[in-house]
Amino acid sequence: MFIFDSLIQTNRRTMNKKIQIIALVLVMLSAITACLPGKSTTIVNKTDNLTQKIKYSGKIVFTLDKTAIEHISDGGYLEFEENGEGFTASSDSHGKVAYEFNNDGKVNELNEGQKQFLAHAVNIIVKEQQKLKPENNQ
């Protein structure tokens, strides 16, 4: 009986260690996965009279005339700032592009000044993206 009880306790210890190792591995995998951010790109241009910052992540589709944003993938965003003025664009829960200009809250319909600033920003972003393409860096 003593040998049988000893075998059961040894088996429990071995099983508990295996469970602890599996749990530890799962926690580590979860932590690693949670720490992997999505790919983002940041472009900063500074001269004496101009400071621009462009930051984006996800797939961003511009209109054919390159004056607005047609679509942003789920979880994606675009931030643009020029000389202290800027906006953030992201996809809302309905898949529509939502904007926030100068941290003044979400905007779904743009006024004329915002449309002009957005068109200016998209034009600059498209030019900067062209510079980043590998065939342009040869």
C-alpha atoms as a PDB file:
ATOM      1  CA  MET A   1       0.000   0.000   0.000  1.00  0.00           C
ATOM      2  CA  PHE A   2       2.871   2.361   0.847  1.00  0.00           C
ATOM      3  CA  ILE A   3       4.452   1.810  -2.577  1.00  0.00           C
ATOM      4  CA  PHE A   4       1.113   2.425  -4.295  1.00  0.00           C
ATOM      5  CA  ASP A   5       0.570   5.725  -2.385  1.00  0.00           C
ATOM      6  CA  SER A   6       4.128   6.796  -3.169  1.00  0.00           C
ATOM      7  CA  LEU A   7       3.608   6.130  -6.888  1.00  0.00           C
ATOM      8  CA  ILE A   8       0.370   8.145  -6.896  1.00  0.00           C
ATOM      9  CA  GLN A   9       2.063  11.132  -5.182  1.00  0.00           C
ATOM     10  CA  THR A  10       5.005  10.991  -7.603  1.00  0.00           C
ATOM     11  CA  ASN A  11       2.611  10.818 -10.515  1.00  0.00           C
ATOM     12  CA  ARG A  12       0.673  13.846  -9.166  1.00  0.00           C
ATOM     13  CA  ARG A  13       3.886  15.876  -8.758  1.00  0.00           C
ATOM     14  CA  THR A  14       4.946  15.010 -12.297  1.00  0.00           C
ATOM     15  CA  MET A  15       1.508  15.901 -13.633  1.00  0.00           C
ATOM     16  CA  ASN A  16       1.450  19.189 -11.665  1.00  0.00           C
ATOM     17  CA  LYS A  17       4.871  20.147 -13.055  1.00  0.00           C
ATOM     18  CA  LYS A  18       3.706  19.402 -16.594  1.00  0.00           C
ATOM     19  CA  ILE A  19       0.592  21.518 -16.070  1.00  0.00           C
ATOM     20  CA  GLN A  20       2.710  24.371 -14.656  1.00  0.00           C
ATOM     21  CA  ILE A  21       5.073  24.222 -17.635  1.00  0.00           C
ATOM     22  CA  ILE A  22       2.184  24.213 -20.114  1.00  0.00           C
ATOM     23  CA  ALA A  23       0.541  27.130 -18.300  1.00  0.00           C
ATOM     24  CA  LEU A  24       3.816  29.062 -18.292  1.00  0.00           C
ATOM     25  CA  VAL A  25       4.311  28.473 -22.021  1.00  0.00           C
ATOM     26  CA  LEU A  26       0.751  29.642 -22.740  1.00  0.00           C
ATOM     27  CA  VAL A  27       1.248  32.806 -20.670  1.00  0.00           C
ATOM     28  CA  MET A  28       4.526  33.543 -22.451  1.00  0.00           C
ATOM     29  CA  LEU A  29       2.961  33.032 -25.883  1.00  0.00           C
ATOM     30  CA  SER A  30       0.073  35.308 -24.954  1.00  0.00           C
ATOM     31  CA  ALA A  31       2.478  38.004 -23.753  1.00  0.00           C
ATOM     32  CA  ILE A  32       4.583  37.786 -26.901  1.00  0.00           C
ATOM     33  CA  THR A  33       1.529  37.948 -29.161  1.00  0.00           C
ATOM     34  CA  ALA A  34       0.086  40.911 -27.261  1.00  0.00           C
ATOM     35  CA  CYS A  35       3.358  42.822 -27.561  1.00  0.00           C
ATOM     36  CA  LEU A  36       3.625  42.512 -31.328  1.00  0.00           C
ATOM     37  CA  PRO A  37       2.270  45.776 -32.694  1.00  0.00           C
ATOM     38  CA  GLY A  38       0.923  46.169 -36.201  1.00  0.00           C
ATOM     39  CA  LYS A  39       3.304  47.588 -38.748  1.00  0.00           C
ATOM     40  CA  SER A  40       3.269  51.354 -38.783  1.00  0.00           C
ATOM     41  CA  THR A  41       5.162  53.949 -40.772  1.00  0.00           C
ATOM     42  CA  THR A  42       6.261  57.365 -39.563  1.00  0.00           C
ATOM     43  CA  ILE A  43       7.642  60.091 -41.830  1.00  0.00           C
ATOM     44  CA  VAL A  44       8.952  63.362 -40.407  1.00  0.00           C
ATOM     45  CA  ASN A  45      10.025  66.346 -42.515  1.00  0.00           C
ATOM     46  CA  LYS A  46      11.580  69.404 -40.900  1.00  0.00           C
ATOM     47  CA  THR A  47      12.936  72.577 -42.465  1.00  0.00           C
ATOM     48  CA  ASP A  48      13.243  76.134 -41.179  1.00  0.00           C
ATOM     49  CA  ASN A  49       9.613  76.981 -41.972  1.00  0.00           C
ATOM     50  CA  LEU A  50       7.943  73.579 -42.116  1.00  0.00           C
ATOM     51  CA  THR A  51       7.378  70.666 -39.784  1.00  0.00           C
ATOM     52  CA  GLN A  52       5.404  67.693 -41.064  1.00  0.00           C
ATOM     53  CA  LYS A  53       4.669  64.378 -39.428  1.00  0.00           C
ATOM     54  CA  ILE A  54       2.857  61.519 -41.134  1.00  0.00           C
ATOM     55  CA  LYS A  55       2.097  58.308 -39.270  1.00  0.00           C
ATOM     56  CA  TYR A  56      -0.068  55.490 -40.515  1.00  0.00           C
ATOM     57  CA  SER A  57      -0.883  51.844 -40.015  1.00  0.00           C
ATOM     58  CA  GLY A  58      -3.068  49.408 -41.921  1.00  0.00           C
ATOM     59  CA  LYS A  59      -4.325  49.725 -45.462  1.00  0.00           C
ATOM     60  CA  ILE A  60      -5.376  53.225 -46.459  1.00  0.00           C
ATOM     61  CA  VAL A  61      -7.090  53.807 -49.806  1.00  0.00           C
ATOM     62  CA  PHE A  62      -7.249  57.320 -51.232  1.00  0.00           C
ATOM     63  CA  THR A  63      -9.813  58.549 -53.734  1.00  0.00           C
ATOM     64  CA  LEU A  64      -8.792  58.455 -57.411  1.00  0.00           C
ATOM     65  CA  ASP A  65      -8.360  62.232 -57.502  1.00  0.00           C
ATOM     66  CA  LYS A  66      -6.101  61.961 -54.414  1.00  0.00           C
ATOM     67  CA  THR A  67      -8.038  64.523 -52.391  1.00  0.00           C
ATOM     68  CA  ALA A  68      -9.628  62.341 -49.701  1.00  0.00           C
ATOM     69  CA  ILE A  69      -9.535  58.998 -47.923  1.00  0.00           C
ATOM     70  CA  GLU A  70     -11.868  56.387 -49.347  1.00  0.00           C
ATOM     71  CA  HIS A  71     -11.208  53.576 -46.874  1.00  0.00           C
ATOM     72  CA  ILE A  72      -9.082  52.606 -43.868  1.00  0.00           C
ATOM     73  CA  SER A  73      -8.741  48.966 -42.883  1.00  0.00           C
ATOM     74  CA  ASP A  74     -10.072  47.795 -39.557  1.00  0.00           C
ATOM     75  CA  GLY A  75      -7.634  48.871 -36.834  1.00  0.00           C
ATOM     76  CA  GLY A  76      -5.736  51.152 -39.219  1.00  0.00           C
ATOM     77  CA  TYR A  77      -5.230  54.868 -38.816  1.00  0.00           C
ATOM     78  CA  LEU A  78      -3.604  57.908 -40.393  1.00  0.00           C
ATOM     79  CA  GLU A  79      -2.164  60.852 -38.487  1.00  0.00           C
ATOM     80  CA  PHE A  80      -1.022  63.996 -40.263  1.00  0.00           C
ATOM     81  CA  GLU A  81       0.410  67.129 -38.697  1.00  0.00           C
ATOM     82  CA  GLU A  82       1.848  70.206 -40.348  1.00  0.00           C
ATOM     83  CA  ASN A  83       3.112  73.193 -38.372  1.00  0.00           C
ATOM     84  CA  GLY A  84       0.892  72.378 -35.396  1.00  0.00           C
ATOM     85  CA  GLU A  85      -2.310  71.753 -37.394  1.00  0.00           C
ATOM     86  CA  GLY A  86      -3.405  68.203 -37.991  1.00  0.00           C
ATOM     87  CA  PHE A  87      -5.895  65.394 -38.000  1.00  0.00           C
ATOM     88  CA  THR A  88      -6.292  61.726 -37.228  1.00  0.00           C
ATOM     89  CA  ALA A  89      -8.372  59.457 -39.451  1.00  0.00           C
ATOM     90  CA  SER A  90      -9.555  55.968 -38.588  1.00  0.00           C
ATOM     91  CA  SER A  91     -12.338  53.570 -39.470  1.00  0.00           C
ATOM     92  CA  ASP A  92     -15.435  53.776 -37.256  1.00  0.00           C
ATOM     93  CA  SER A  93     -17.547  50.799 -36.179  1.00  0.00           C
ATOM     94  CA  HIS A  94     -19.524  50.987 -39.443  1.00  0.00           C
ATOM     95  CA  GLY A  95     -16.435  51.007 -41.690  1.00  0.00           C
ATOM     96  CA  LYS A  96     -16.772  54.717 -42.455  1.00  0.00           C
ATOM     97  CA  VAL A  97     -13.762  57.013 -42.150  1.00  0.00           C
ATOM     98  CA  ALA A  98     -13.982  59.207 -39.045  1.00  0.00           C
ATOM     99  CA  TYR A  99     -11.752  62.239 -38.511  1.00  0.00           C
ATOM    100  CA  GLU A 100     -10.545  64.195 -35.547  1.00  0.00           C
ATOM    101  CA  PHE A 101      -9.050  67.607 -36.381  1.00  0.00           C
ATOM    102  CA  ASN A 102      -6.710  69.243 -33.867  1.00  0.00           C
ATOM    103  CA  ASN A 103      -8.020  66.972 -31.079  1.00  0.00           C
ATOM    104  CA  ASP A 104     -11.482  68.603 -31.241  1.00  0.00           C
ATOM    105  CA  GLY A 105     -13.497  65.385 -31.266  1.00  0.00           C
ATOM    106  CA  LYS A 106     -14.743  63.041 -33.985  1.00  0.00           C
ATOM    107  CA  VAL A 107     -16.049  64.527 -37.224  1.00  0.00           C
ATOM    108  CA  ASN A 108     -17.935  62.549 -39.893  1.00  0.00           C
ATOM    109  CA  GLU A 109     -18.829  65.423 -42.226  1.00  0.00           C
ATOM    110  CA  LEU A 110     -15.986  67.771 -43.140  1.00  0.00           C
ATOM    111  CA  ASN A 111     -16.382  71.516 -43.605  1.00  0.00           C
ATOM    112  CA  GLU A 112     -14.717  73.212 -46.577  1.00  0.00           C
ATOM    113  CA  GLY A 113     -11.540  74.144 -44.690  1.00  0.00           C
ATOM    114  CA  GLN A 114     -11.135  70.596 -43.416  1.00  0.00           C
ATOM    115  CA  LYS A 115     -11.663  69.204 -46.934  1.00  0.00           C
ATOM    116  CA  GLN A 116      -8.940  71.504 -48.281  1.00  0.00           C
ATOM    117  CA  PHE A 117      -6.536  70.557 -45.499  1.00  0.00           C
ATOM    118  CA  LEU A 118      -7.278  66.855 -46.070  1.00  0.00           C
ATOM    119  CA  ALA A 119      -6.658  67.213 -49.836  1.00  0.00           C
ATOM    120  CA  HIS A 120      -3.366  68.998 -49.104  1.00  0.00           C
ATOM    121  CA  ALA A 121      -2.369  66.233 -46.656  1.00  0.00           C
ATOM    122  CA  VAL A 122      -3.296  63.380 -49.019  1.00  0.00           C
ATOM    123  CA  ASN A 123      -1.260  65.008 -51.796  1.00  0.00           C
ATOM    124  CA  ILE A 124       1.792  65.188 -49.519  1.00  0.00           C
ATOM    125  CA  ILE A 125       1.285  61.637 -48.205  1.00  0.00           C
ATOM    126  CA  VAL A 126       1.056  60.188 -51.732  1.00  0.00           C
ATOM    127  CA  LYS A 127       4.300  61.962 -52.698  1.00  0.00           C
ATOM    128  CA  GLU A 128       6.068  60.710 -49.564  1.00  0.00           C
ATOM    129  CA  GLN A 129       4.849  57.150 -50.152  1.00  0.00           C
ATOM    130  CA  GLN A 130       6.234  57.295 -53.683  1.00  0.00           C
ATOM    131  CA  LYS A 131       9.644  58.148 -52.226  1.00  0.00           C
ATOM    132  CA  LEU A 132       9.475  55.049 -50.010  1.00  0.00           C
ATOM    133  CA  LYS A 133       8.844  52.621 -52.889  1.00  0.00           C
ATOM    134  CA  PRO A 134      11.889  50.410 -53.592  1.00  0.00           C
ATOM    135  CA  GLU A 135      11.965  51.150 -57.343  1.00  0.00           C
ATOM    136  CA  ASN A 136      12.410  54.855 -56.542  1.00  0.00           C
ATOM    137  CA  ASN A 137      15.416  54.220 -54.290  1.00  0.00           C
ATOM    138  CA  GLN A 138      17.758  52.778 -56.906  1.00  0.00           C
END
